[in-house]
């Protein structure tokens, strides 16, 4: 069973691209839906970028910045970003594709991540996880903000920025009837 789940998770990027292409094909964007969706995409990209500046994967347990608000800020950022794309898509098919894709993969990813971090960081992870929400951020005042741009670059988060902006451009072109498919 473990191999089935691991293989399933392994192909999430491919499945995600197929879902995104289908969403773009079926979308019916309007200037208003793209504007509202763009706001969500930017918010999701910001949350992901902010999160990636705190994570030194497998070397340190990230507990500051967005990790003080939620244990899974990258996945939360993905949710907001994907919701923005669905909003920009402006039809029920866009929402269904987004929610089915997200629910197919991300709960499993969070579970696997929980087990992996518990194994690596032990009681330190257990203590921190008791104080933080798994997905939705807690609203609270942050004590320390120490974003590390080198982590952002090492985690190659800039790729999400480029890809997300490309998707928005396609939706804009489709909304103003320049691009049809």
Protein backbone atom coordinates (compact mmCIF):
# COMPACT_ATOMS: atom_id res chain seq x y z
CA UNK A 1 0.00 0.00 0.00
CA UNK A 2 2.87 2.35 0.83
CA UNK A 3 4.28 2.02 -2.73
CA UNK A 4 0.87 2.79 -4.26
CA UNK A 5 0.55 6.02 -2.26
CA UNK A 6 4.17 7.00 -2.97
CA UNK A 7 3.72 6.43 -6.72
CA UNK A 8 0.43 8.32 -6.62
CA UNK A 9 2.14 11.28 -4.93
CA UNK A 10 5.17 11.01 -7.24
CA UNK A 11 3.03 11.81 -10.30
CA UNK A 12 1.15 14.75 -8.78
CA UNK A 13 3.04 17.32 -10.89
CA UNK A 14 2.13 15.54 -14.12
CA UNK A 15 -1.50 15.14 -13.01
CA UNK A 16 -1.48 18.80 -11.92
CA UNK A 17 -0.33 19.97 -15.36
CA UNK A 18 -2.99 17.83 -17.06
CA UNK A 19 -5.65 19.27 -14.70
CA UNK A 20 -4.41 22.80 -15.30
CA UNK A 21 -4.52 22.34 -19.10
CA UNK A 22 -8.05 20.97 -18.81
CA UNK A 23 -9.05 23.87 -16.55
CA UNK A 24 -7.59 26.40 -19.01
CA UNK A 25 -9.33 24.70 -21.92
CA UNK A 26 -12.72 24.64 -20.19
CA UNK A 27 -12.40 28.06 -18.57
CA UNK A 28 -14.65 30.97 -19.48
CA UNK A 29 -12.74 33.88 -17.96
CA UNK A 30 -14.07 37.40 -17.87
CA UNK A 31 -12.05 40.51 -17.10
CA UNK A 32 -13.70 40.62 -13.64
CA UNK A 33 -13.04 36.93 -12.84
CA UNK A 34 -9.41 37.28 -13.91
CA UNK A 35 -8.98 40.40 -11.75
CA UNK A 36 -10.46 38.70 -8.67
CA UNK A 37 -8.59 35.45 -9.37
CA UNK A 38 -5.35 37.37 -9.85
CA UNK A 39 -5.70 38.79 -6.32
CA UNK A 40 -5.91 35.25 -4.93
CA UNK A 41 -3.03 34.04 -7.11
CA UNK A 42 -0.84 36.88 -5.84
CA UNK A 43 -1.84 36.14 -2.23
CA UNK A 44 -1.05 32.43 -2.68
CA UNK A 45 2.29 33.21 -4.36
CA UNK A 46 3.16 35.60 -1.54
CA UNK A 47 2.35 33.02 1.14
CA UNK A 48 4.43 30.39 -0.68
CA UNK A 49 7.34 32.78 -1.22
CA UNK A 50 7.22 33.92 2.40
CA UNK A 51 7.18 30.29 3.55
CA UNK A 52 10.07 29.23 1.35
CA UNK A 53 12.25 31.90 2.95
CA UNK A 54 12.02 30.05 6.27
CA UNK A 55 12.52 26.44 5.27
CA UNK A 56 15.91 24.75 5.31
CA UNK A 57 14.51 21.35 4.40
CA UNK A 58 15.49 18.43 6.64
CA UNK A 59 18.20 20.52 8.38
CA UNK A 60 16.11 22.74 10.63
CA UNK A 61 12.52 22.63 11.83
CA UNK A 62 10.90 25.82 10.53
CA UNK A 63 8.72 27.26 13.31
CA UNK A 64 8.92 31.01 12.66
CA UNK A 65 7.22 33.34 10.20
CA UNK A 66 4.39 31.54 8.40
CA UNK A 67 5.35 28.30 10.19
CA UNK A 68 4.28 29.95 13.44
CA UNK A 69 0.81 30.27 11.91
CA UNK A 70 0.41 26.84 10.28
CA UNK A 71 2.44 23.65 9.89
CA UNK A 72 1.77 23.62 6.15
CA UNK A 73 2.07 27.17 4.81
CA UNK A 74 3.30 26.03 1.39
CA UNK A 75 0.24 23.82 0.95
CA UNK A 76 -2.01 26.61 2.22
CA UNK A 77 -0.36 28.96 -0.31
CA UNK A 78 -0.99 26.36 -3.03
CA UNK A 79 -4.64 26.25 -2.01
CA UNK A 80 -5.06 30.03 -2.26
CA UNK A 81 -3.13 30.16 -5.54
CA UNK A 82 -5.15 27.31 -7.07
CA UNK A 83 -8.40 28.83 -5.86
CA UNK A 84 -7.39 32.03 -7.64
CA UNK A 85 -6.88 30.13 -10.88
CA UNK A 86 -10.30 28.48 -10.45
CA UNK A 87 -11.92 31.86 -9.78
CA UNK A 88 -10.26 33.30 -12.89
CA UNK A 89 -11.51 30.27 -14.85
CA UNK A 90 -15.02 31.50 -14.08
CA UNK A 91 -17.07 28.30 -14.31
CA UNK A 92 -18.05 25.28 -12.26
CA UNK A 93 -15.66 23.00 -14.16
CA UNK A 94 -12.71 25.14 -12.99
CA UNK A 95 -13.75 24.76 -9.35
CA UNK A 96 -14.40 21.03 -9.66
CA UNK A 97 -11.03 20.38 -11.30
CA UNK A 98 -9.22 22.43 -8.66
CA UNK A 99 -10.96 20.91 -5.64
CA UNK A 100 -10.74 17.32 -6.91
CA UNK A 101 -7.01 17.73 -7.67
CA UNK A 102 -6.30 19.42 -4.34
CA UNK A 103 -8.22 16.88 -2.28
CA UNK A 104 -6.68 13.96 -4.20
CA UNK A 105 -3.13 14.93 -3.28
CA UNK A 106 -2.67 17.44 -0.50
CA UNK A 107 -4.19 15.59 2.47
CA UNK A 108 -1.86 12.69 1.63
CA UNK A 109 1.10 15.05 1.28
CA UNK A 110 0.37 16.62 4.67
CA UNK A 111 0.13 13.19 6.29
CA UNK A 112 3.41 12.03 4.73
CA UNK A 113 5.09 15.30 5.71
CA UNK A 114 3.85 14.92 9.29
CA UNK A 115 5.32 11.43 9.57
CA UNK A 116 8.63 12.48 7.94
CA UNK A 117 9.11 15.51 10.18
CA UNK A 118 8.16 13.54 13.28
CA UNK A 119 10.82 10.97 12.38
CA UNK A 120 13.50 13.62 11.72
CA UNK A 121 12.81 16.08 14.55
CA UNK A 122 11.04 13.91 17.14
CA UNK A 123 9.79 15.64 20.28
CA UNK A 124 10.68 19.10 18.95
CA UNK A 125 8.23 18.53 16.09
CA UNK A 126 5.61 17.04 18.42
CA UNK A 127 5.76 20.06 20.73
CA UNK A 128 5.55 22.56 17.88
CA UNK A 129 2.73 20.68 16.12
CA UNK A 130 0.58 20.85 19.26
CA UNK A 131 0.78 24.66 19.16
CA UNK A 132 0.06 25.16 15.46
CA UNK A 133 -2.80 24.44 13.10
CA UNK A 134 -2.28 21.81 10.44
CA UNK A 135 -3.64 23.83 7.52
CA UNK A 136 -5.49 27.09 8.12
CA UNK A 137 -3.24 29.73 9.67
CA UNK A 138 -3.86 30.94 13.19
CA UNK A 139 -4.30 34.66 13.34
CA UNK A 140 -1.72 35.92 15.80
CA UNK A 141 1.05 38.41 16.16
CA UNK A 142 4.40 37.18 14.93
CA UNK A 143 7.40 37.78 17.15
CA UNK A 144 10.28 37.33 14.77
CA UNK A 145 10.49 37.84 11.01
CA UNK A 146 13.72 36.56 9.52
CA UNK A 147 13.05 35.80 5.86
CA UNK A 148 16.11 34.24 4.20
CA UNK A 149 16.32 34.98 0.48
CA UNK A 150 18.93 32.23 0.02
CA UNK A 151 16.35 29.65 1.18
CA UNK A 152 13.87 31.15 -1.28
CA UNK A 153 16.37 30.69 -4.12
CA UNK A 154 17.53 27.25 -2.92
CA UNK A 155 13.91 26.08 -2.81
CA UNK A 156 13.45 27.48 -6.36
CA UNK A 157 10.23 29.21 -5.40
CA UNK A 158 10.65 31.71 -8.23
CA UNK A 159 9.38 28.95 -10.57
CA UNK A 160 5.93 29.21 -8.97
CA UNK A 161 5.96 32.96 -9.68
CA UNK A 162 6.79 32.48 -13.36
CA UNK A 163 4.35 29.63 -13.85
CA UNK A 164 1.48 31.39 -12.07
CA UNK A 165 1.97 34.57 -14.05
CA UNK A 166 2.01 32.55 -17.27
CA UNK A 167 -1.34 30.97 -16.34
CA UNK A 168 -2.85 34.38 -15.57
CA UNK A 169 -1.60 35.75 -18.91
CA UNK A 170 -3.28 32.84 -20.73
CA UNK A 171 -6.53 33.52 -18.86
CA UNK A 172 -6.31 37.26 -19.61
CA UNK A 173 -5.76 36.57 -23.31
CA UNK A 174 -8.66 34.13 -23.29
CA UNK A 175 -10.88 36.63 -21.42
CA UNK A 176 -10.26 39.38 -23.95
CA UNK A 177 -10.81 36.91 -26.78
CA UNK A 178 -7.28 37.14 -28.20
CA UNK A 179 -6.49 33.54 -27.40
CA UNK A 180 -8.97 30.77 -28.10
CA UNK A 181 -8.67 27.06 -27.53
